N, C-alpha and C. Protein backbone atom coordinates (compact mmCIF):
# COMPACT_ATOMS: atom_id res chain seq x y z
N UNK A 1 0.80 -1.28 0.02
CA UNK A 1 -0.22 0.00 0.02
C UNK A 1 0.93 1.06 -0.05
N UNK A 2 0.58 2.10 -0.97
CA UNK A 2 1.33 3.27 -1.30
C UNK A 2 0.50 4.44 -1.19
N UNK A 3 0.95 5.58 -0.19
CA UNK A 3 -0.04 6.74 -0.08
C UNK A 3 0.06 7.53 -1.55
N UNK A 4 -0.95 7.60 -2.01
CA UNK A 4 -0.99 8.21 -3.42
C UNK A 4 -1.46 9.71 -3.37
N UNK A 5 -2.70 10.12 -2.74
CA UNK A 5 -3.43 11.06 -2.50
C UNK A 5 -3.53 11.39 -1.08
N UNK A 6 -3.54 12.77 -0.49
CA UNK A 6 -4.39 13.11 0.43
C UNK A 6 -5.76 13.56 -0.19
N UNK A 7 -6.85 13.13 0.49
CA UNK A 7 -8.11 13.58 0.06
C UNK A 7 -8.89 14.27 0.80
N UNK A 8 -9.50 15.47 0.17
CA UNK A 8 -10.09 16.61 1.13
C UNK A 8 -11.40 16.99 0.38
N UNK A 9 -12.45 16.35 0.94
CA UNK A 9 -13.77 16.83 0.49
C UNK A 9 -13.80 18.33 0.67
N UNK A 10 -14.38 19.08 -0.40
CA UNK A 10 -14.43 20.63 -0.26
C UNK A 10 -16.05 21.14 -0.95
N UNK A 11 -16.41 22.06 -0.55
CA UNK A 11 -17.84 22.47 -0.98
C UNK A 11 -17.73 23.25 -2.24
N UNK A 12 -16.65 23.52 -2.78
CA UNK A 12 -16.46 24.39 -4.24
C UNK A 12 -15.10 23.85 -4.57
N UNK A 13 -14.79 23.10 -5.60
CA UNK A 13 -13.57 22.81 -6.15
C UNK A 13 -12.99 23.85 -6.64
N UNK A 14 -13.46 25.10 -7.54
CA UNK A 14 -12.94 26.12 -7.94
C UNK A 14 -12.39 27.09 -7.10
N UNK A 15 -13.27 27.18 -5.83
CA UNK A 15 -12.70 28.04 -4.78
C UNK A 15 -11.61 27.42 -4.23
N UNK A 16 -11.83 26.20 -3.87
CA UNK A 16 -10.63 25.49 -3.17
C UNK A 16 -9.40 25.42 -3.97
N UNK A 17 -9.58 25.11 -5.27
CA UNK A 17 -8.44 25.07 -6.19
C UNK A 17 -7.65 26.65 -6.16
N UNK A 18 -8.42 27.57 -6.22
CA UNK A 18 -7.85 28.92 -6.20
C UNK A 18 -7.10 29.06 -4.85
N UNK A 19 -7.44 28.40 -3.67
CA UNK A 19 -6.91 28.67 -2.41
C UNK A 19 -5.61 27.85 -2.27
N UNK A 20 -5.48 26.64 -2.75
CA UNK A 20 -4.43 25.96 -2.64
C UNK A 20 -3.41 26.30 -3.69
N UNK A 21 -3.73 26.66 -4.87
CA UNK A 21 -3.01 27.12 -5.92
C UNK A 21 -2.45 28.51 -5.69
N UNK A 22 -3.08 29.40 -5.59
CA UNK A 22 -2.74 30.81 -5.43
C UNK A 22 -2.23 31.37 -4.07
N UNK A 23 -2.73 30.77 -3.10
CA UNK A 23 -2.39 31.26 -1.85
C UNK A 23 -1.41 30.35 -1.30
N UNK A 24 -1.39 29.16 -1.44
CA UNK A 24 -0.34 28.06 -0.95
C UNK A 24 0.62 27.81 -1.95
N UNK A 25 0.35 28.07 -3.10
CA UNK A 25 1.65 27.85 -4.11
C UNK A 25 1.67 26.46 -4.74
N UNK A 26 0.45 25.57 -4.33
CA UNK A 26 0.60 24.30 -4.99
C UNK A 26 0.28 24.36 -6.43
N UNK A 27 0.98 23.21 -7.26
CA UNK A 27 0.93 23.29 -8.53
C UNK A 27 -0.55 22.31 -8.88
N UNK A 28 -1.27 22.81 -9.88
CA UNK A 28 -2.27 21.86 -10.35
C UNK A 28 -1.83 20.74 -11.36
N UNK A 29 -2.29 19.61 -10.87
CA UNK A 29 -1.67 18.32 -11.66
C UNK A 29 -2.64 17.98 -12.62
N UNK A 30 -3.76 17.93 -12.49
CA UNK A 30 -4.98 17.42 -13.18
C UNK A 30 -6.29 17.80 -12.70
N UNK A 31 -7.23 17.73 -13.66
CA UNK A 31 -8.59 17.75 -13.24
C UNK A 31 -9.36 16.75 -14.00
N UNK A 32 -10.33 16.35 -13.42
CA UNK A 32 -11.32 15.52 -13.93
C UNK A 32 -12.84 16.24 -13.82
N UNK A 33 -13.49 16.65 -14.84
CA UNK A 33 -14.43 17.37 -14.91
C UNK A 33 -14.53 18.57 -14.14
N UNK A 34 -15.66 18.84 -13.61
CA UNK A 34 -15.72 20.15 -12.78
C UNK A 34 -15.71 19.91 -11.22
N UNK A 35 -15.51 18.58 -10.91
CA UNK A 35 -15.75 18.20 -9.53
C UNK A 35 -14.65 17.83 -8.88
N UNK A 36 -13.57 17.39 -9.51
CA UNK A 36 -12.27 16.75 -9.02
C UNK A 36 -11.09 17.43 -9.55
N UNK A 37 -10.17 17.78 -8.83
CA UNK A 37 -8.76 18.34 -9.18
C UNK A 37 -7.70 17.79 -8.18
N UNK A 38 -6.49 17.89 -8.62
CA UNK A 38 -5.29 17.41 -7.91
C UNK A 38 -4.28 18.36 -7.89
N UNK A 39 -3.63 18.50 -6.85
CA UNK A 39 -2.44 19.46 -6.78
C UNK A 39 -1.26 18.77 -6.21
N UNK A 40 -0.03 19.09 -6.89
CA UNK A 40 1.24 18.62 -6.35
C UNK A 40 1.66 19.35 -5.07
N UNK A 41 1.90 18.40 -4.00
CA UNK A 41 2.54 19.07 -2.90
C UNK A 41 4.05 19.16 -3.26
N UNK A 42 4.48 20.43 -3.01
CA UNK A 42 5.92 20.70 -3.43
C UNK A 42 6.87 19.76 -2.40
N UNK A 43 7.89 19.15 -2.91
CA UNK A 43 8.97 18.39 -2.34
C UNK A 43 8.47 17.10 -2.09
N UNK A 44 7.38 16.64 -2.74
CA UNK A 44 7.05 15.13 -2.47
C UNK A 44 6.25 14.64 -3.60
N UNK A 45 5.99 13.24 -3.81
CA UNK A 45 5.46 12.66 -4.69
C UNK A 45 3.86 12.78 -4.34
N UNK A 46 3.44 12.84 -3.25
CA UNK A 46 1.96 12.82 -3.03
C UNK A 46 1.14 14.26 -3.59
N UNK A 47 0.02 13.78 -3.86
CA UNK A 47 -0.85 14.81 -4.20
C UNK A 47 -1.90 15.12 -3.39
N UNK A 48 -2.64 16.26 -3.46
CA UNK A 48 -3.70 16.64 -2.86
C UNK A 48 -4.92 16.76 -3.74
N UNK A 49 -5.79 15.77 -3.48
CA UNK A 49 -7.01 15.44 -4.17
C UNK A 49 -8.24 16.21 -3.59
N UNK A 50 -8.79 17.32 -4.33
CA UNK A 50 -10.14 18.02 -3.87
C UNK A 50 -10.96 17.55 -4.72
N UNK A 51 -12.26 17.33 -3.97
CA UNK A 51 -13.39 16.82 -4.68
C UNK A 51 -14.59 17.52 -3.92
N UNK A 52 -15.75 17.83 -4.94
CA UNK A 52 -17.22 18.37 -4.25
C UNK A 52 -17.35 16.97 -3.32
N UNK A 53 -17.73 17.58 -2.06
CA UNK A 53 -18.14 16.52 -1.03
C UNK A 53 -19.28 16.00 -1.59
N UNK A 54 -19.25 14.39 -1.88
CA UNK A 54 -20.60 13.85 -2.10
C UNK A 54 -20.66 12.56 -1.50
N UNK A 55 -19.57 12.08 -0.73
CA UNK A 55 -19.81 10.78 0.18
C UNK A 55 -19.96 11.15 1.53
N UNK A 56 -19.94 12.10 2.25
CA UNK A 56 -20.22 12.30 3.42
C UNK A 56 -19.11 11.63 4.55
N UNK A 57 -17.87 11.43 3.76
CA UNK A 57 -16.71 10.88 4.74
C UNK A 57 -15.75 11.92 4.92
N UNK A 58 -14.96 12.08 5.76
CA UNK A 58 -13.96 12.93 6.25
C UNK A 58 -12.95 12.73 5.39
N UNK A 59 -11.77 13.88 5.25
CA UNK A 59 -10.68 13.67 4.50
C UNK A 59 -9.82 12.57 5.07
N UNK A 60 -8.91 12.29 4.35
CA UNK A 60 -7.83 11.21 4.61
C UNK A 60 -7.18 10.52 3.48
N UNK A 61 -6.29 9.41 3.56
CA UNK A 61 -5.56 8.99 2.55
C UNK A 61 -6.26 8.23 1.55
N UNK A 62 -5.43 8.27 0.37
CA UNK A 62 -6.06 7.25 -0.76
C UNK A 62 -4.93 6.49 -1.10
N UNK A 63 -4.97 5.35 -1.02
CA UNK A 63 -3.70 4.44 -0.91
C UNK A 63 -3.87 3.76 -2.48
N UNK A 64 -2.73 3.57 -3.15
CA UNK A 64 -2.60 2.58 -4.46
C UNK A 64 -2.35 1.42 -3.75
N UNK A 65 -3.15 0.40 -4.46
CA UNK A 65 -2.82 -1.01 -4.31
C UNK A 65 -2.67 -1.98 -5.67
N UNK A 66 -2.39 -3.21 -5.74
CA UNK A 66 -2.25 -3.80 -6.89
C UNK A 66 -3.74 -4.09 -7.37
N UNK A 67 -4.65 -4.47 -6.56
CA UNK A 67 -5.99 -4.96 -7.01
C UNK A 67 -6.99 -4.65 -6.11
N UNK A 68 -7.87 -3.60 -6.09
CA UNK A 68 -8.85 -3.41 -5.25
C UNK A 68 -9.71 -4.46 -4.91
N UNK A 69 -10.10 -5.43 -6.11
CA UNK A 69 -10.87 -6.66 -5.94
C UNK A 69 -10.54 -7.71 -5.20
N UNK A 70 -9.08 -7.67 -5.54
CA UNK A 70 -8.37 -9.01 -4.64
C UNK A 70 -8.50 -8.60 -3.32
N UNK A 71 -8.09 -7.28 -2.84
CA UNK A 71 -8.06 -6.68 -1.46
C UNK A 71 -9.31 -6.97 -0.89
N UNK A 72 -10.26 -6.48 -1.70
CA UNK A 72 -11.81 -6.58 -0.89
C UNK A 72 -12.20 -7.93 -0.79
N UNK A 73 -11.78 -8.76 -1.66
CA UNK A 73 -12.23 -10.24 -1.58
C UNK A 73 -11.56 -10.97 -0.37
N UNK A 74 -10.26 -10.54 -0.12
CA UNK A 74 -9.49 -11.04 0.88
C UNK A 74 -9.89 -10.49 2.31
N UNK A 75 -10.54 -9.24 2.38
CA UNK A 75 -10.91 -8.68 3.75
C UNK A 75 -12.29 -8.33 3.86
N UNK A 76 -13.20 -8.74 3.05
CA UNK A 76 -14.41 -8.11 3.27
C UNK A 76 -15.22 -8.75 4.48
N UNK A 77 -14.94 -9.65 5.10
CA UNK A 77 -15.28 -10.21 6.32
C UNK A 77 -14.70 -9.70 7.41
N UNK A 78 -13.44 -8.92 7.44
CA UNK A 78 -12.88 -8.30 8.55
C UNK A 78 -12.87 -7.00 8.56
N UNK A 79 -12.94 -6.22 7.44
CA UNK A 79 -12.94 -4.94 7.38
C UNK A 79 -14.21 -4.36 7.28
N UNK A 80 -14.61 -3.03 7.46
CA UNK A 80 -15.91 -2.50 7.39
C UNK A 80 -15.86 -1.68 6.20
N UNK A 81 -16.10 -2.30 4.91
CA UNK A 81 -16.48 -1.75 3.62
C UNK A 81 -17.52 -0.81 3.69
N UNK A 82 -17.52 0.40 3.02
CA UNK A 82 -18.67 1.19 3.08
C UNK A 82 -19.07 1.77 1.55
N UNK A 83 -17.96 1.25 0.68
CA UNK A 83 -18.28 1.65 -0.82
C UNK A 83 -17.22 0.58 -1.44
N UNK A 84 -17.68 0.20 -2.69
CA UNK A 84 -17.05 -0.51 -3.83
C UNK A 84 -16.98 -1.99 -3.58
N UNK A 85 -16.22 -2.33 -4.17
CA UNK A 85 -15.25 -1.85 -5.14
C UNK A 85 -16.20 -1.37 -6.56
N UNK A 86 -15.50 -0.25 -7.17
CA UNK A 86 -16.58 0.18 -8.15
C UNK A 86 -15.23 0.76 -9.31
N UNK A 87 -15.92 0.75 -10.55
CA UNK A 87 -15.12 1.66 -11.62
C UNK A 87 -15.04 3.06 -11.45
N UNK A 88 -13.54 3.73 -11.62
CA UNK A 88 -13.57 5.05 -11.81
C UNK A 88 -12.42 5.43 -12.82
N UNK A 89 -12.30 6.43 -13.53
CA UNK A 89 -11.51 6.54 -14.69
C UNK A 89 -10.03 5.63 -14.74
N UNK A 90 -9.32 5.58 -13.61
CA UNK A 90 -8.00 4.92 -13.93
C UNK A 90 -8.01 3.57 -13.50
N UNK A 91 -9.20 2.96 -12.58
CA UNK A 91 -9.18 1.76 -11.99
C UNK A 91 -10.47 1.40 -11.45
N UNK A 92 -10.07 0.80 -10.18
CA UNK A 92 -11.03 0.40 -9.34
C UNK A 92 -10.96 1.21 -7.85
N UNK A 93 -11.97 1.24 -7.12
CA UNK A 93 -11.96 2.03 -6.06
C UNK A 93 -12.52 1.47 -5.13
N UNK A 94 -12.55 1.68 -3.71
CA UNK A 94 -13.23 1.29 -2.50
C UNK A 94 -12.87 1.93 -1.31
N UNK A 95 -13.48 1.89 -0.22
CA UNK A 95 -13.46 2.50 0.88
C UNK A 95 -13.99 1.62 2.12
N UNK A 96 -13.02 1.66 3.02
CA UNK A 96 -13.32 0.88 4.37
C UNK A 96 -13.09 1.85 5.35
N UNK A 97 -13.68 1.63 6.45
CA UNK A 97 -13.35 2.50 7.75
C UNK A 97 -12.38 1.71 8.84
N UNK A 98 -11.58 2.48 9.19
CA UNK A 98 -10.54 1.83 10.25
C UNK A 98 -11.46 1.81 11.56
N UNK A 99 -10.91 1.18 12.67
CA UNK A 99 -11.47 1.11 14.02
C UNK A 99 -12.07 2.22 14.73
N UNK A 100 -11.44 3.47 14.09
CA UNK A 100 -12.21 4.64 14.73
C UNK A 100 -13.17 5.43 13.70
N UNK A 101 -13.32 4.72 12.61
CA UNK A 101 -14.36 5.14 11.88
C UNK A 101 -13.85 6.17 10.77
N UNK A 102 -12.19 6.36 10.65
CA UNK A 102 -11.81 6.95 9.60
C UNK A 102 -11.80 6.32 8.22
N UNK A 103 -12.31 7.00 7.17
CA UNK A 103 -12.07 6.36 5.83
C UNK A 103 -10.76 6.04 5.45
N UNK A 104 -10.60 4.90 4.87
CA UNK A 104 -9.15 4.41 4.28
C UNK A 104 -9.93 4.25 2.74
N UNK A 105 -9.18 5.19 1.75
CA UNK A 105 -9.71 4.80 0.11
C UNK A 105 -8.48 4.17 -0.30
N UNK A 106 -8.91 3.09 -1.05
CA UNK A 106 -7.84 2.41 -2.05
C UNK A 106 -8.41 2.33 -3.35
N UNK A 107 -7.27 2.26 -4.04
CA UNK A 107 -7.36 2.49 -5.55
C UNK A 107 -6.30 1.75 -6.29
N UNK A 108 -6.67 1.20 -7.48
CA UNK A 108 -5.74 0.68 -8.36
C UNK A 108 -5.83 1.21 -9.70
N UNK A 109 -4.88 0.94 -10.54
CA UNK A 109 -4.68 1.68 -11.80
C UNK A 109 -5.11 0.51 -12.87
N UNK A 110 -6.06 -0.40 -12.76
CA UNK A 110 -6.29 -1.52 -13.54
C UNK A 110 -6.64 -0.98 -14.92
N UNK A 111 -7.34 0.07 -15.04
CA UNK A 111 -8.04 0.47 -16.44
C UNK A 111 -6.67 1.19 -17.28
N UNK A 112 -5.52 1.32 -16.71
CA UNK A 112 -4.51 1.87 -17.35
C UNK A 112 -3.38 0.89 -17.91
N UNK A 113 -3.63 -0.33 -17.58
CA UNK A 113 -2.70 -1.42 -18.00
C UNK A 113 -3.14 -1.85 -19.39
């Protein structure tokens, strides 16, 4: 598992993008439509992903794994999955909660292979 993004739900992507880019000096990495954007955190390989809040879960990490489906099938009986697996543009995605209720987002890049 590798930390890929810090995920922050926001109320308005354009306003938040302006804040992180123009006030804090982060560089925009990419956008997906009007509801999701990523910014490069200076001095690191990690990106900040901001997205219009639509899941109702708090901020947290998004981790890259080899296969969301394999991880899900191996852990669905012992972890509290609240979403997924489902398709998103680069691959598969799921969310489970840790023992304190914090969301842990997992992603693979199976659609890019």
